[in-house]
Amino acid sequence: MGFDPNKAKVAVLMGGPSAEREVSLMSGNGVLQALLSKGIQAVAFDPAHTPLMALREQGISHAFIALHGRHGEDGTVQGALELMGIPYTGSGVMASAIAMDKHMTKRLWLAEGLSTPASIWLTPAQQTTQALADIPKQLGLPLIVKPPHEGSSIGVTKVSQAEQFQAAIELATRHDPYVLCEAFIQGEEVTCPVLGDADHATALPVVRIAAPEGAYDYQNKYFTDAVTYHCPSGLPADEEQAIQALSVAAYRALGCRGWGRADVMIRASDRQPFLLEMNTSPGMTSHSLVPMSAKAAGIDYADLCVRLLQAARLDSTVGITRA
């Protein structure tokens, strides 16, 4: 089903039940206002309050996914929209599910020869006293502890001393029974948005992130002005191009489409970039990085929203009928 702005009725999916609900509402309301400003018939839709099947009852033709985190960015909503035959923005079921799982993402990237920090993944059964005692020795300090199925830095701790490790594990397991421990890369943090289908994906300008004492956490990401963003990044041209190429390769390896954003660390000692994660439903708030990068490329916020919506589609239309 192609996108006809004169006939489309678009639901902007926002909110939802995840830990990133508050940020999603900010993203979704921004997208909704942008689409309305372009004359597109669009409505807000919160899956936490209204069953998804109501989309069909409301005559929705397309869905703009502004959900973040679980039950929105992890393939579940995408699967429901596939069953209903409603084209949606962003990656399909498989790519969304893989990208939401940081451990599986890293396994795929490593199989493709793409650089990502060394890590150890712990199931609940593996979170024994002996196993936890060995991890700082294996990965070194500092290290990062994170829940592998959350985003927006929720539940993430930088562990600088071994005595902090147990508390970091406990914080991560409040959000996820599994834990990902990752070697810390000392250097600069950057992010690179990617637009388009895998085979024709293109990178937008890199954004360099300067957070106070390196604390690019949930609070600083969305609710303060303490972080400085540089776009243009100010990196040497060859470094920027290498990060863009790495981001596109990472996007293609996961089978992403529509749009995404790769988060990358540049190691200070040798300037090697390391992939941290791929966001398949990036933020669209006033602090968000994809709109910032797009603006540097000459694409304003509203036009970016329309462009993403025009790319909305299903994984497959075979056998789908609409009532």
C-alpha atoms as a PDB file:
ATOM      1  CA  MET A   1       0.000   0.000   0.000  1.00  0.00           C
ATOM      2  CA  GLY A   2       1.608   3.266  -1.082  1.00  0.00           C
ATOM      3  CA  PHE A   3       1.370   6.439   0.941  1.00  0.00           C
ATOM      4  CA  ASP A   4      -1.101   9.004  -0.398  1.00  0.00           C
ATOM      5  CA  PRO A   5      -1.092  12.060   1.919  1.00  0.00           C
ATOM      6  CA  ASN A   6      -4.564  13.013   0.704  1.00  0.00           C
ATOM      7  CA  LYS A   7      -6.110   9.669   1.642  1.00  0.00           C
ATOM      8  CA  ALA A   8      -3.968   8.393   4.491  1.00  0.00           C
ATOM      9  CA  LYS A   9      -5.125   8.261   8.082  1.00  0.00           C
ATOM     10  CA  VAL A  10      -2.050   7.936  10.252  1.00  0.00           C
ATOM     11  CA  ALA A  11      -1.826   6.743  13.842  1.00  0.00           C
ATOM     12  CA  VAL A  12       1.222   8.004  15.714  1.00  0.00           C
ATOM     13  CA  LEU A  13       1.926   5.215  18.197  1.00  0.00           C
ATOM     14  CA  MET A  14       3.313   6.719  21.398  1.00  0.00           C
ATOM     15  CA  GLY A  15       3.517   6.057  25.110  1.00  0.00           C
ATOM     16  CA  GLY A  16       3.083   2.337  25.598  1.00  0.00           C
ATOM     17  CA  PRO A  17       3.970   0.361  28.738  1.00  0.00           C
ATOM     18  CA  SER A  18       7.791   0.434  28.551  1.00  0.00           C
ATOM     19  CA  ALA A  19      10.249   2.145  30.892  1.00  0.00           C
ATOM     20  CA  GLU A  20      10.727   4.733  28.137  1.00  0.00           C
ATOM     21  CA  ARG A  21       7.063   5.760  28.091  1.00  0.00           C
ATOM     22  CA  GLU A  22       7.708   9.388  29.090  1.00  0.00           C
ATOM     23  CA  VAL A  23      10.246   9.915  26.320  1.00  0.00           C
ATOM     24  CA  SER A  24       7.979   8.184  23.805  1.00  0.00           C
ATOM     25  CA  LEU A  25       5.149  10.579  24.592  1.00  0.00           C
ATOM     26  CA  MET A  26       7.480  13.512  23.911  1.00  0.00           C
ATOM     27  CA  SER A  27       8.623  11.966  20.633  1.00  0.00           C
ATOM     28  CA  GLY A  28       5.124  11.062  19.545  1.00  0.00           C
ATOM     29  CA  ASN A  29       3.618  14.456  20.233  1.00  0.00           C
ATOM     30  CA  GLY A  30       6.404  16.101  18.240  1.00  0.00           C
ATOM     31  CA  VAL A  31       5.772  13.793  15.290  1.00  0.00           C
ATOM     32  CA  LEU A  32       1.995  14.270  15.531  1.00  0.00           C
ATOM     33  CA  GLN A  33       2.261  18.061  15.376  1.00  0.00           C
ATOM     34  CA  ALA A  34       4.714  17.836  12.476  1.00  0.00           C
ATOM     35  CA  LEU A  35       2.405  15.628  10.422  1.00  0.00           C
ATOM     36  CA  LEU A  36      -0.600  17.822  11.147  1.00  0.00           C
ATOM     37  CA  SER A  37       1.420  20.867  10.052  1.00  0.00           C
ATOM     38  CA  LYS A  38       1.908  19.147   6.687  1.00  0.00           C
ATOM     39  CA  GLY A  39      -1.823  18.627   6.246  1.00  0.00           C
ATOM     40  CA  ILE A  40      -1.698  14.889   6.964  1.00  0.00           C
ATOM     41  CA  GLN A  41      -4.635  13.392   8.850  1.00  0.00           C
ATOM     42  CA  ALA A  42      -2.956  12.026  11.962  1.00  0.00           C
ATOM     43  CA  VAL A  43      -4.094  10.961  15.426  1.00  0.00           C
ATOM     44  CA  ALA A  44      -2.352   9.985  18.648  1.00  0.00           C
ATOM     45  CA  PHE A  45      -2.621   6.335  19.679  1.00  0.00           C
ATOM     46  CA  ASP A  46      -1.338   4.971  23.001  1.00  0.00           C
ATOM     47  CA  PRO A  47      -1.224   1.150  23.108  1.00  0.00           C
ATOM     48  CA  ALA A  48      -1.102   1.285  26.898  1.00  0.00           C
ATOM     49  CA  HIS A  49      -4.640   2.684  26.911  1.00  0.00           C
ATOM     50  CA  THR A  50      -6.241   1.323  23.731  1.00  0.00           C
ATOM     51  CA  PRO A  51      -5.956  -2.209  22.264  1.00  0.00           C
ATOM     52  CA  LEU A  52      -3.994  -2.279  19.020  1.00  0.00           C
ATOM     53  CA  MET A  53      -6.895  -3.918  17.187  1.00  0.00           C
ATOM     54  CA  ALA A  54      -8.723  -0.585  17.516  1.00  0.00           C
ATOM     55  CA  LEU A  55      -6.436   0.700  14.754  1.00  0.00           C
ATOM     56  CA  ARG A  56      -8.493  -1.235  12.216  1.00  0.00           C
ATOM     57  CA  GLU A  57     -11.746  -0.114  13.774  1.00  0.00           C
ATOM     58  CA  GLN A  58     -10.579   3.498  13.440  1.00  0.00           C
ATOM     59  CA  GLY A  59      -9.752   3.058   9.759  1.00  0.00           C
ATOM     60  CA  ILE A  60      -6.024   3.670  10.218  1.00  0.00           C
ATOM     61  CA  SER A  61      -4.091   3.220   6.973  1.00  0.00           C
ATOM     62  CA  HIS A  62      -0.517   3.766   8.261  1.00  0.00           C
ATOM     63  CA  ALA A  63       1.291   3.748  11.601  1.00  0.00           C
ATOM     64  CA  PHE A  64       4.173   5.999  12.597  1.00  0.00           C
ATOM     65  CA  ILE A  65       5.944   4.154  15.413  1.00  0.00           C
ATOM     66  CA  ALA A  66       7.196   6.624  18.022  1.00  0.00           C
ATOM     67  CA  LEU A  67       7.290   3.958  20.733  1.00  0.00           C
ATOM     68  CA  HIS A  68      10.598   3.299  22.473  1.00  0.00           C
ATOM     69  CA  GLY A  69      11.760   0.208  24.309  1.00  0.00           C
ATOM     70  CA  ARG A  70       9.868  -3.007  24.919  1.00  0.00           C
ATOM     71  CA  HIS A  71       6.466  -3.623  23.347  1.00  0.00           C
ATOM     72  CA  GLY A  72       7.197  -0.977  20.735  1.00  0.00           C
ATOM     73  CA  GLU A  73      10.740  -1.208  19.447  1.00  0.00           C
ATOM     74  CA  ASP A  74      11.297  -4.953  19.894  1.00  0.00           C
ATOM     75  CA  GLY A  75       9.234  -6.459  17.064  1.00  0.00           C
ATOM     76  CA  THR A  76       6.036  -7.054  19.034  1.00  0.00           C
ATOM     77  CA  VAL A  77       4.059  -4.062  17.745  1.00  0.00           C
ATOM     78  CA  GLN A  78       5.577  -4.588  14.308  1.00  0.00           C
ATOM     79  CA  GLY A  79       4.242  -8.151  14.298  1.00  0.00           C
ATOM     80  CA  ALA A  80       0.764  -7.006  15.289  1.00  0.00           C
ATOM     81  CA  LEU A  81       0.747  -4.394  12.517  1.00  0.00           C
ATOM     82  CA  GLU A  82       1.876  -7.065  10.033  1.00  0.00           C
ATOM     83  CA  LEU A  83      -1.122  -9.210  11.002  1.00  0.00           C
ATOM     84  CA  MET A  84      -3.469  -6.247  10.601  1.00  0.00           C
ATOM     85  CA  GLY A  85      -1.934  -5.251   7.277  1.00  0.00           C
ATOM     86  CA  ILE A  86      -1.103  -1.710   8.410  1.00  0.00           C
ATOM     87  CA  PRO A  87       2.173  -0.387   6.961  1.00  0.00           C
ATOM     88  CA  TYR A  88       4.471   1.095   9.613  1.00  0.00           C
ATOM     89  CA  THR A  89       7.629   3.142   9.867  1.00  0.00           C
ATOM     90  CA  GLY A  90      11.024   1.719  10.700  1.00  0.00           C
ATOM     91  CA  SER A  91      12.432  -1.770  10.746  1.00  0.00           C
ATOM     92  CA  GLY A  92      10.462  -4.985  10.418  1.00  0.00           C
ATOM     93  CA  VAL A  93       9.833  -7.690  12.986  1.00  0.00           C
ATOM     94  CA  MET A  94      13.159  -9.524  12.863  1.00  0.00           C
ATOM     95  CA  ALA A  95      15.459  -6.496  12.694  1.00  0.00           C
ATOM     96  CA  SER A  96      13.522  -4.770  15.481  1.00  0.00           C
ATOM     97  CA  ALA A  97      13.716  -7.840  17.721  1.00  0.00           C
ATOM     98  CA  ILE A  98      17.430  -8.364  17.145  1.00  0.00           C
ATOM     99  CA  ALA A  99      18.386  -4.713  17.576  1.00  0.00           C
ATOM    100  CA  MET A 100      16.467  -4.535  20.870  1.00  0.00           C
ATOM    101  CA  ASP A 101      18.591  -7.405  22.194  1.00  0.00           C
ATOM    102  CA  LYS A 102      22.074  -5.938  22.643  1.00  0.00           C
ATOM    103  CA  HIS A 103      23.657  -9.356  23.104  1.00  0.00           C
ATOM    104  CA  MET A 104      22.241 -10.774  19.859  1.00  0.00           C
ATOM    105  CA  THR A 105      23.117  -7.543  18.060  1.00  0.00           C
ATOM    106  CA  LYS A 106      26.743  -7.849  19.143  1.00  0.00           C
ATOM    107  CA  ARG A 107      26.877 -11.492  18.067  1.00  0.00           C
ATOM    108  CA  LEU A 108      25.683 -10.555  14.587  1.00  0.00           C
ATOM    109  CA  TRP A 109      28.112  -7.650  14.307  1.00  0.00           C
ATOM    110  CA  LEU A 110      31.031  -9.804  15.408  1.00  0.00           C
ATOM    111  CA  ALA A 111      30.051 -12.440  12.848  1.00  0.00           C
ATOM    112  CA  GLU A 112      30.191  -9.676  10.209  1.00  0.00           C
ATOM    113  CA  GLY A 113      33.603  -8.513  11.407  1.00  0.00           C
ATOM    114  CA  LEU A 114      32.308  -5.215  12.799  1.00  0.00           C
ATOM    115  CA  SER A 115      34.001  -3.758  15.888  1.00  0.00           C
ATOM    116  CA  THR A 116      32.064  -3.725  19.155  1.00  0.00           C
ATOM    117  CA  PRO A 117      33.374  -3.795  22.750  1.00  0.00           C
ATOM    118  CA  ALA A 118      34.209  -7.141  24.349  1.00  0.00           C
ATOM    119  CA  SER A 119      31.373  -8.332  26.552  1.00  0.00           C
ATOM    120  CA  ILE A 120      30.021 -11.082  28.801  1.00  0.00           C
ATOM    121  CA  TRP A 121      26.321 -11.982  28.814  1.00  0.00           C
ATOM    122  CA  LEU A 122      24.821 -13.439  31.987  1.00  0.00           C
ATOM    123  CA  THR A 123      21.630 -15.451  32.275  1.00  0.00           C
ATOM    124  CA  PRO A 124      19.998 -15.513  35.728  1.00  0.00           C
ATOM    125  CA  ALA A 125      21.610 -18.908  36.404  1.00  0.00           C
ATOM    126  CA  GLN A 126      25.046 -17.522  35.543  1.00  0.00           C
ATOM    127  CA  GLN A 127      24.849 -14.645  38.013  1.00  0.00           C
ATOM    128  CA  THR A 128      26.715 -16.592  40.697  1.00  0.00           C
ATOM    129  CA  THR A 129      29.135 -15.108  43.214  1.00  0.00           C
ATOM    130  CA  GLN A 130      32.105 -16.764  41.502  1.00  0.00           C
ATOM    131  CA  ALA A 131      31.070 -15.667  37.991  1.00  0.00           C
ATOM    132  CA  LEU A 132      30.563 -12.086  39.116  1.00  0.00           C
ATOM    133  CA  ALA A 133      33.937 -12.062  40.859  1.00  0.00           C
ATOM    134  CA  ASP A 134      35.686 -13.083  37.633  1.00  0.00           C
ATOM    135  CA  ILE A 135      34.115 -10.542  35.262  1.00  0.00           C
ATOM    136  CA  PRO A 136      36.078  -7.433  36.321  1.00  0.00           C
ATOM    137  CA  LYS A 137      39.253  -9.499  35.885  1.00  0.00           C
ATOM    138  CA  GLN A 138      38.200 -10.629  32.406  1.00  0.00           C
ATOM    139  CA  LEU A 139      36.953  -7.302  31.056  1.00  0.00           C
ATOM    140  CA  GLY A 140      39.048  -4.959  33.159  1.00  0.00           C
ATOM    141  CA  LEU A 141      37.944  -1.792  34.931  1.00  0.00           C
ATOM    142  CA  PRO A 142      36.145   0.413  34.318  1.00  0.00           C
ATOM    143  CA  LEU A 143      33.378  -1.628  32.691  1.00  0.00           C
ATOM    144  CA  ILE A 144      29.746  -1.073  31.783  1.00  0.00           C
ATOM    145  CA  VAL A 145      26.839  -3.071  33.199  1.00  0.00           C
ATOM    146  CA  LYS A 146      23.495  -2.812  31.411  1.00  0.00           C
ATOM    147  CA  PRO A 147      20.161  -4.585  30.955  1.00  0.00           C
ATOM    148  CA  PRO A 148      20.371  -5.917  27.374  1.00  0.00           C
ATOM    149  CA  HIS A 149      16.723  -5.259  26.476  1.00  0.00           C
ATOM    150  CA  GLU A 150      16.370  -1.629  27.591  1.00  0.00           C
ATOM    151  CA  GLY A 151      17.286   1.674  25.972  1.00  0.00           C
ATOM    152  CA  SER A 152      17.850   5.330  26.888  1.00  0.00           C
ATOM    153  CA  SER A 153      20.634   4.283  29.315  1.00  0.00           C
ATOM    154  CA  ILE A 154      18.027   2.909  31.741  1.00  0.00           C
ATOM    155  CA  GLY A 155      19.664   0.644  34.335  1.00  0.00           C
ATOM    156  CA  VAL A 156      23.182   1.298  32.999  1.00  0.00           C
ATOM    157  CA  THR A 157      26.153   1.694  35.376  1.00  0.00           C
ATOM    158  CA  LYS A 158      29.795   2.526  34.755  1.00  0.00           C
ATOM    159  CA  VAL A 159      31.728   0.436  37.276  1.00  0.00           C
ATOM    160  CA  SER A 160      35.107   1.934  38.172  1.00  0.00           C
ATOM    161  CA  GLN A 161      35.838  -0.150  41.272  1.00  0.00           C
ATOM    162  CA  ALA A 162      35.163  -3.839  41.931  1.00  0.00           C
ATOM    163  CA  GLU A 163      33.137  -2.963  45.038  1.00  0.00           C
ATOM    164  CA  GLN A 164      30.559  -1.215  42.833  1.00  0.00           C
ATOM    165  CA  PHE A 165      29.964  -4.251  40.645  1.00  0.00           C
ATOM    166  CA  GLN A 166      27.324  -6.075  42.725  1.00  0.00           C
ATOM    167  CA  ALA A 167      25.167  -2.950  43.050  1.00  0.00           C
ATOM    168  CA  ALA A 168      25.409  -2.425  39.275  1.00  0.00           C
ATOM    169  CA  ILE A 169      24.226  -5.989  38.664  1.00  0.00           C
ATOM    170  CA  GLU A 170      21.307  -5.485  41.051  1.00  0.00           C
ATOM    171  CA  LEU A 171      20.288  -2.259  39.294  1.00  0.00           C
ATOM    172  CA  ALA A 172      20.395  -3.918  35.867  1.00  0.00           C
ATOM    173  CA  THR A 173      18.317  -6.900  37.048  1.00  0.00           C
ATOM    174  CA  ARG A 174      15.544  -4.572  38.229  1.00  0.00           C
ATOM    175  CA  HIS A 175      14.903  -3.960  34.529  1.00  0.00           C
ATOM    176  CA  ASP A 176      15.909  -7.278  32.957  1.00  0.00           C
ATOM    177  CA  PRO A 177      16.685 -10.778  34.302  1.00  0.00           C
ATOM    178  CA  TYR A 178      19.638 -10.911  31.903  1.00  0.00           C
ATOM    179  CA  VAL A 179      22.735  -8.729  32.235  1.00  0.00           C
ATOM    180  CA  LEU A 180      25.305  -7.554  29.707  1.00  0.00           C
ATOM    181  CA  CYS A 181      28.746  -6.600  30.996  1.00  0.00           C
ATOM    182  CA  GLU A 182      30.827  -4.682  28.478  1.00  0.00           C
ATOM    183  CA  ALA A 183      34.400  -3.418  28.332  1.00  0.00           C
ATOM    184  CA  PHE A 184      34.508   0.360  28.712  1.00  0.00           C
ATOM    185  CA  ILE A 185      35.885   2.274  25.753  1.00  0.00           C
ATOM    186  CA  GLN A 186      37.649   5.431  26.867  1.00  0.00           C
ATOM    187  CA  GLY A 187      37.126   8.173  24.327  1.00  0.00           C
ATOM    188  CA  GLU A 188      34.492  10.222  22.527  1.00  0.00           C
ATOM    189  CA  GLU A 189      30.861   9.219  22.103  1.00  0.00           C
ATOM    190  CA  VAL A 190      29.175   9.854  18.763  1.00  0.00           C
ATOM    191  CA  THR A 191      26.001   8.797  17.024  1.00  0.00           C
ATOM    192  CA  CYS A 192      25.148   8.401  13.359  1.00  0.00           C
ATOM    193  CA  PRO A 193      21.614   8.225  11.927  1.00  0.00           C
ATOM    194  CA  VAL A 194      20.915   6.066   8.875  1.00  0.00           C
ATOM    195  CA  LEU A 195      17.984   6.412   6.473  1.00  0.00           C
ATOM    196  CA  GLY A 196      16.581   4.036   3.852  1.00  0.00           C
ATOM    197  CA  ASP A 197      16.354   0.334   3.100  1.00  0.00           C
ATOM    198  CA  ALA A 198      19.399  -1.807   3.798  1.00  0.00           C
ATOM    199  CA  ASP A 199      20.638  -2.010   0.203  1.00  0.00           C
ATOM    200  CA  HIS A 200      20.228   1.729  -0.371  1.00  0.00           C
ATOM    201  CA  ALA A 201      20.865   3.053   3.128  1.00  0.00           C
ATOM    202  CA  THR A 202      22.673   6.343   3.565  1.00  0.00           C
ATOM    203  CA  ALA A 203      24.237   7.893   6.645  1.00  0.00           C
ATOM    204  CA  LEU A 204      23.407  11.367   7.895  1.00  0.00           C
ATOM    205  CA  PRO A 205      26.023  13.626   9.544  1.00  0.00           C
ATOM    206  CA  VAL A 206      27.670  12.328  12.710  1.00  0.00           C
ATOM    207  CA  VAL A 207      26.749  13.992  16.016  1.00  0.00           C
ATOM    208  CA  ARG A 208      29.490  14.234  18.664  1.00  0.00           C
ATOM    209  CA  ILE A 209      28.237  14.131  22.261  1.00  0.00           C
ATOM    210  CA  ALA A 210      29.990  15.946  25.110  1.00  0.00           C
ATOM    211  CA  ALA A 211      28.357  15.055  28.435  1.00  0.00           C
ATOM    212  CA  PRO A 212      29.437  16.367  31.862  1.00  0.00           C
ATOM    213  CA  GLU A 213      32.037  13.902  33.193  1.00  0.00           C
ATOM    214  CA  GLY A 214      30.902  11.489  30.488  1.00  0.00           C
ATOM    215  CA  ALA A 215      27.480  11.082  32.154  1.00  0.00           C
ATOM    216  CA  TYR A 216      25.285  10.684  29.081  1.00  0.00           C
ATOM    217  CA  ASP A 217      22.521   9.113  31.157  1.00  0.00           C
ATOM    218  CA  TYR A 218      18.706   9.138  31.015  1.00  0.00           C
ATOM    219  CA  GLN A 219      18.380  12.434  32.885  1.00  0.00           C
ATOM    220  CA  ASN A 220      20.992  14.261  30.826  1.00  0.00           C
ATOM    221  CA  LYS A 221      19.687  12.809  27.565  1.00  0.00           C
ATOM    222  CA  TYR A 222      16.174  14.152  27.894  1.00  0.00           C
ATOM    223  CA  PHE A 223      15.665  16.525  30.798  1.00  0.00           C
ATOM    224  CA  THR A 224      18.688  18.844  31.111  1.00  0.00           C
ATOM    225  CA  ASP A 225      20.772  21.084  28.911  1.00  0.00           C
ATOM    226  CA  ALA A 226      24.032  19.882  30.446  1.00  0.00           C
ATOM    227  CA  VAL A 227      25.051  17.893  27.360  1.00  0.00           C
ATOM    228  CA  THR A 228      26.655  19.629  24.397  1.00  0.00           C
ATOM    229  CA  TYR A 229      26.002  18.248  20.916  1.00  0.00           C
ATOM    230  CA  HIS A 230      28.267  19.019  17.978  1.00  0.00           C
ATOM    231  CA  CYS A 231      26.855  18.676  14.475  1.00  0.00           C
ATOM    232  CA  PRO A 232      28.897  19.124  12.341  1.00  0.00           C
ATOM    233  CA  SER A 233      30.867  16.815  14.584  1.00  0.00           C
ATOM    234  CA  GLY A 234      34.215  18.559  14.230  1.00  0.00           C
ATOM    235  CA  LEU A 235      35.884  15.195  13.605  1.00  0.00           C
ATOM    236  CA  PRO A 236      38.453  14.841  10.820  1.00  0.00           C
ATOM    237  CA  ALA A 237      36.690  14.072   7.527  1.00  0.00           C
ATOM    238  CA  ASP A 238      38.214  10.586   7.284  1.00  0.00           C
ATOM    239  CA  GLU A 239      37.009   9.700  10.806  1.00  0.00           C
ATOM    240  CA  GLU A 240      33.488  10.945  10.085  1.00  0.00           C
ATOM    241  CA  GLN A 241      33.365   8.934   6.868  1.00  0.00           C
ATOM    242  CA  ALA A 242      34.648   5.805   8.642  1.00  0.00           C
ATOM    243  CA  ILE A 243      31.948   6.114  11.319  1.00  0.00           C
ATOM    244  CA  GLN A 244      29.265   6.646   8.679  1.00  0.00           C
ATOM    245  CA  ALA A 245      30.449   3.565   6.776  1.00  0.00           C
ATOM    246  CA  LEU A 246      30.532   1.497   9.984  1.00  0.00           C
ATOM    247  CA  SER A 247      27.021   2.657  10.904  1.00  0.00           C
ATOM    248  CA  VAL A 248      25.608   1.728   7.498  1.00  0.00           C
ATOM    249  CA  ALA A 249      27.322  -1.681   7.677  1.00  0.00           C
ATOM    250  CA  ALA A 250      25.869  -2.238  11.160  1.00  0.00           C
ATOM    251  CA  TYR A 251      22.398  -1.245   9.927  1.00  0.00           C
ATOM    252  CA  ARG A 252      22.607  -3.586   6.947  1.00  0.00           C
ATOM    253  CA  ALA A 253      23.905  -6.476   9.056  1.00  0.00           C
ATOM    254  CA  LEU A 254      20.753  -6.336  11.189  1.00  0.00           C
ATOM    255  CA  GLY A 255      18.444  -6.001   8.179  1.00  0.00           C
ATOM    256  CA  CYS A 256      17.148  -2.592   9.259  1.00  0.00           C
ATOM    257  CA  ARG A 257      14.997  -0.395   7.084  1.00  0.00           C
ATOM    258  CA  GLY A 258      13.349   3.023   7.189  1.00  0.00           C
ATOM    259  CA  TRP A 259      15.636   4.624   9.717  1.00  0.00           C
ATOM    260  CA  GLY A 260      17.907   3.906  12.645  1.00  0.00           C
ATOM    261  CA  ARG A 261      20.697   5.391  14.709  1.00  0.00           C
ATOM    262  CA  ALA A 262      24.009   3.759  15.549  1.00  0.00           C
ATOM    263  CA  ASP A 263      25.720   4.724  18.820  1.00  0.00           C
ATOM    264  CA  VAL A 264      29.506   4.547  18.628  1.00  0.00           C
ATOM    265  CA  MET A 265      32.523   5.120  20.885  1.00  0.00           C
ATOM    266  CA  ILE A 266      35.830   6.326  19.417  1.00  0.00           C
ATOM    267  CA  ARG A 267      38.732   4.907  21.444  1.00  0.00           C
ATOM    268  CA  ALA A 268      41.057   7.748  22.377  1.00  0.00           C
ATOM    269  CA  SER A 269      44.246   5.676  22.208  1.00  0.00           C
ATOM    270  CA  ASP A 270      44.017   4.792  18.510  1.00  0.00           C
ATOM    271  CA  ARG A 271      40.774   6.477  17.258  1.00  0.00           C
ATOM    272  CA  GLN A 272      39.153   3.120  16.466  1.00  0.00           C
ATOM    273  CA  PRO A 273      35.329   3.278  16.464  1.00  0.00           C
ATOM    274  CA  PHE A 274      33.316   0.645  18.368  1.00  0.00           C
ATOM    275  CA  LEU A 275      29.601   0.006  17.865  1.00  0.00           C
ATOM    276  CA  LEU A 276      27.500   0.110  21.037  1.00  0.00           C
ATOM    277  CA  GLU A 277      23.960  -0.379  19.780  1.00  0.00           C
ATOM    278  CA  MET A 278      21.461   0.257  17.000  1.00  0.00           C
ATOM    279  CA  ASN A 279      18.261   2.171  17.769  1.00  0.00           C
ATOM    280  CA  THR A 280      15.447   1.219  15.381  1.00  0.00           C
ATOM    281  CA  SER A 281      12.932   3.713  16.786  1.00  0.00           C
ATOM    282  CA  PRO A 282      15.107   6.692  17.719  1.00  0.00           C
ATOM    283  CA  GLY A 283      13.909   9.604  19.791  1.00  0.00           C
ATOM    284  CA  MET A 284      12.179  12.548  18.144  1.00  0.00           C
ATOM    285  CA  THR A 285      12.163  14.926  21.129  1.00  0.00           C
ATOM    286  CA  SER A 286      13.634  18.423  21.332  1.00  0.00           C
ATOM    287  CA  HIS A 287      16.871  16.843  22.600  1.00  0.00           C
ATOM    288  CA  SER A 288      16.939  14.031  20.037  1.00  0.00           C
ATOM    289  CA  LEU A 289      19.850  13.424  17.741  1.00  0.00           C
ATOM    290  CA  VAL A 290      18.276  12.222  14.483  1.00  0.00           C
ATOM    291  CA  PRO A 291      16.406  15.524  13.930  1.00  0.00           C
ATOM    292  CA  MET A 292      19.610  17.396  14.792  1.00  0.00           C
ATOM    293  CA  SER A 293      21.624  15.435  12.245  1.00  0.00           C
ATOM    294  CA  ALA A 294      18.890  15.691   9.614  1.00  0.00           C
ATOM    295  CA  LYS A 295      18.785  19.465  10.072  1.00  0.00           C
ATOM    296  CA  ALA A 296      22.530  19.610   9.399  1.00  0.00           C
ATOM    297  CA  ALA A 297      21.820  17.709   6.166  1.00  0.00           C
ATOM    298  CA  GLY A 298      19.153  20.232   5.166  1.00  0.00           C
ATOM    299  CA  ILE A 299      16.091  18.196   6.252  1.00  0.00           C
ATOM    300  CA  ASP A 300      13.824  19.956   8.744  1.00  0.00           C
ATOM    301  CA  TYR A 301      11.855  18.117  11.433  1.00  0.00           C
ATOM    302  CA  ALA A 302       8.489  18.060   9.669  1.00  0.00           C
ATOM    303  CA  ASP A 303       9.988  16.994   6.344  1.00  0.00           C
ATOM    304  CA  LEU A 304      11.907  14.229   8.119  1.00  0.00           C
ATOM    305  CA  CYS A 305       8.655  12.917   9.641  1.00  0.00           C
ATOM    306  CA  VAL A 306       6.951  12.898   6.247  1.00  0.00           C
ATOM    307  CA  ARG A 307       9.938  11.186   4.640  1.00  0.00           C
ATOM    308  CA  LEU A 308       9.880   8.424   7.263  1.00  0.00           C
ATOM    309  CA  LEU A 309       6.133   8.007   6.831  1.00  0.00           C
ATOM    310  CA  GLN A 310       6.457   7.754   3.047  1.00  0.00           C
ATOM    311  CA  ALA A 311       8.799   4.789   3.595  1.00  0.00           C
ATOM    312  CA  ALA A 312       6.289   2.944   5.811  1.00  0.00           C
ATOM    313  CA  ARG A 313       5.623  -0.601   4.649  1.00  0.00           C
ATOM    314  CA  LEU A 314       5.070  -4.207   5.691  1.00  0.00           C
ATOM    315  CA  ASP A 315       7.607  -7.020   5.708  1.00  0.00           C
ATOM    316  CA  SER A 316       5.297  -8.949   3.400  1.00  0.00           C
ATOM    317  CA  THR A 317       1.876  -8.432   1.874  1.00  0.00           C
ATOM    318  CA  VAL A 318       1.438 -12.086   0.915  1.00  0.00           C
ATOM    319  CA  GLY A 319      -1.841 -13.478   2.172  1.00  0.00           C
ATOM    320  CA  ILE A 320      -2.883 -10.287   3.947  1.00  0.00           C
ATOM    321  CA  THR A 321      -6.445  -9.131   3.518  1.00  0.00           C
ATOM    322  CA  ARG A 322      -8.095  -6.228   5.236  1.00  0.00           C
ATOM    323  CA  ALA A 323     -11.637  -6.303   6.519  1.00  0.00           C
END
